Amino acid sequence: MPESWNYHLSQWSHAIEETSLQQAAITTAIGAGTAFALLTALLIILLIMGFVAVRIQRRQAEQSAKAELALVSADALRGARATAAVVAVGVLMSRSELGGREAGENKSDEGAVS
């Protein structure tokens, strides 16, 4: 092989290497950019989902607190009604005892008068 062929082959080989290096660099940059974009998108999606989950959890906590407060107030109302019923029964029983005593006293007074 003449020396001029070796020179032309080395230039051609150098051109192929340079083109391959440029294509490899472009492919690497595209891959890195794509990976960065995907990771950024995933981060944003995770942040949004976290925000939504916190809002849902807060809303459910408020609803359960309201329901618990309603149960507590309903229990307090039941307790007040039960206390009122006990007091009412006590008053009615004391009246019937007083009524029975007064009727007995009236009969003994009538017996003394007659």
Protein backbone atom coordinates (compact mmCIF):
# COMPACT_ATOMS: atom_id res chain seq x y z
CA MET A 1 0.00 0.00 0.00
CA PRO A 2 1.29 3.36 -0.89
CA GLU A 3 1.77 5.84 1.81
CA SER A 4 -0.90 8.13 0.43
CA TRP A 5 -3.46 5.40 1.01
CA ASN A 6 -2.46 5.15 4.65
CA TYR A 7 -2.86 8.89 4.97
CA HIS A 8 -6.33 8.83 3.39
CA LEU A 9 -7.39 5.86 5.54
CA SER A 10 -6.28 7.61 8.71
CA GLN A 11 -8.22 10.74 7.73
CA TRP A 12 -11.27 8.64 6.91
CA SER A 13 -10.91 6.71 10.17
CA HIS A 14 -10.52 9.97 12.06
CA ALA A 15 -13.66 11.35 10.41
CA ILE A 16 -15.62 8.23 11.34
CA GLU A 17 -14.41 8.42 14.93
CA GLU A 18 -15.33 12.09 15.18
CA THR A 19 -18.80 11.44 13.74
CA SER A 20 -19.29 8.50 16.08
CA LEU A 21 -18.18 10.58 19.05
CA GLN A 22 -20.59 13.37 18.10
CA GLN A 23 -23.46 10.91 17.69
CA ALA A 24 -22.58 9.26 20.99
CA ALA A 25 -22.47 12.63 22.72
CA ILE A 26 -25.83 13.63 21.24
CA THR A 27 -27.39 10.29 22.22
CA THR A 28 -26.00 10.60 25.75
CA ALA A 29 -27.30 14.15 26.08
CA ILE A 30 -30.75 13.08 24.85
CA GLY A 31 -30.77 10.18 27.31
CA ALA A 32 -29.65 12.34 30.22
CA GLY A 33 -32.20 15.02 29.34
CA THR A 34 -34.96 12.45 29.07
CA ALA A 35 -34.01 10.88 32.41
CA PHE A 36 -33.91 14.31 34.07
CA ALA A 37 -37.29 15.26 32.59
CA LEU A 38 -38.87 11.97 33.70
CA LEU A 39 -37.47 12.25 37.22
CA THR A 40 -38.66 15.86 37.46
CA ALA A 41 -42.12 14.84 36.23
CA LEU A 42 -42.24 12.02 38.79
CA LEU A 43 -41.18 14.42 41.55
CA ILE A 44 -43.94 16.85 40.59
CA ILE A 45 -46.50 14.04 40.44
CA LEU A 46 -45.42 12.80 43.88
CA LEU A 47 -45.69 16.30 45.33
CA ILE A 48 -49.17 16.74 43.87
CA MET A 49 -50.30 13.34 45.15
CA GLY A 50 -48.90 14.11 48.60
CA PHE A 51 -50.76 17.41 48.65
CA VAL A 52 -54.00 15.73 47.56
CA ALA A 53 -53.56 12.96 50.15
CA VAL A 54 -53.01 15.50 52.94
CA ARG A 55 -56.13 17.44 51.90
CA ILE A 56 -58.23 14.26 51.80
CA GLN A 57 -56.88 13.15 55.17
CA ARG A 58 -57.58 16.58 56.68
CA ARG A 59 -61.11 16.57 55.27
CA GLN A 60 -61.78 13.07 56.66
CA ALA A 61 -60.38 14.09 60.05
CA GLU A 62 -62.70 17.10 60.14
CA GLN A 63 -65.70 14.94 59.19
CA SER A 64 -64.86 12.34 61.83
CA ALA A 65 -64.40 15.09 64.43
CA LYS A 66 -67.81 16.50 63.52
CA ALA A 67 -69.36 13.02 63.72
CA GLU A 68 -67.70 12.40 67.09
CA LEU A 69 -68.91 15.77 68.37
CA ALA A 70 -72.43 14.91 67.20
CA LEU A 71 -72.21 11.56 69.02
CA VAL A 72 -70.94 13.26 72.18
CA SER A 73 -73.72 15.84 72.06
CA ALA A 74 -76.27 13.08 71.38
CA ASP A 75 -74.90 11.13 74.35
CA ALA A 76 -75.08 14.26 76.51
CA LEU A 77 -78.69 14.78 75.39
CA ARG A 78 -79.49 11.14 76.21
CA GLY A 79 -77.88 11.57 79.61
CA ALA A 80 -79.90 14.74 80.26
CA ARG A 81 -83.10 12.99 79.20
CA ALA A 82 -82.32 10.02 81.44
CA THR A 83 -81.68 12.35 84.39
CA ALA A 84 -84.92 14.21 83.66
CA ALA A 85 -86.80 10.89 83.52
CA VAL A 86 -85.35 9.81 86.88
CA VAL A 87 -86.30 13.14 88.44
CA ALA A 88 -89.80 12.95 86.96
CA VAL A 89 -90.32 9.41 88.29
CA GLY A 90 -89.03 10.50 91.69
CA VAL A 91 -91.43 13.46 91.77
CA LEU A 92 -94.38 11.31 90.70
CA MET A 93 -93.55 8.66 93.29
CA SER A 94 -93.23 11.24 96.06
CA ARG A 95 -96.58 12.75 95.05
CA SER A 96 -98.25 9.34 95.11
CA GLU A 97 -96.75 8.69 98.55
CA LEU A 98 -97.92 12.08 99.76
CA GLY A 99 -101.32 11.51 98.17
CA GLY A 100 -101.61 8.14 99.94
CA ARG A 101 -100.65 9.68 103.27
CA GLU A 102 -103.12 12.52 102.87
CA ALA A 103 -105.89 10.08 101.96
CA GLY A 104 -105.03 8.01 105.03
CA GLU A 105 -105.01 11.10 107.23
CA ASN A 106 -108.36 12.21 105.82
CA LYS A 107 -109.87 8.80 106.58
CA SER A 108 -108.57 8.89 110.11
CA ASP A 109 -109.86 12.42 110.53
CA GLU A 110 -113.28 11.38 109.20
CA GLY A 111 -113.33 8.46 111.59
CA ALA A 112 -112.59 10.78 114.50
CA VAL A 113 -115.23 13.25 113.47
CA SER A 114 -117.97 10.72 112.95
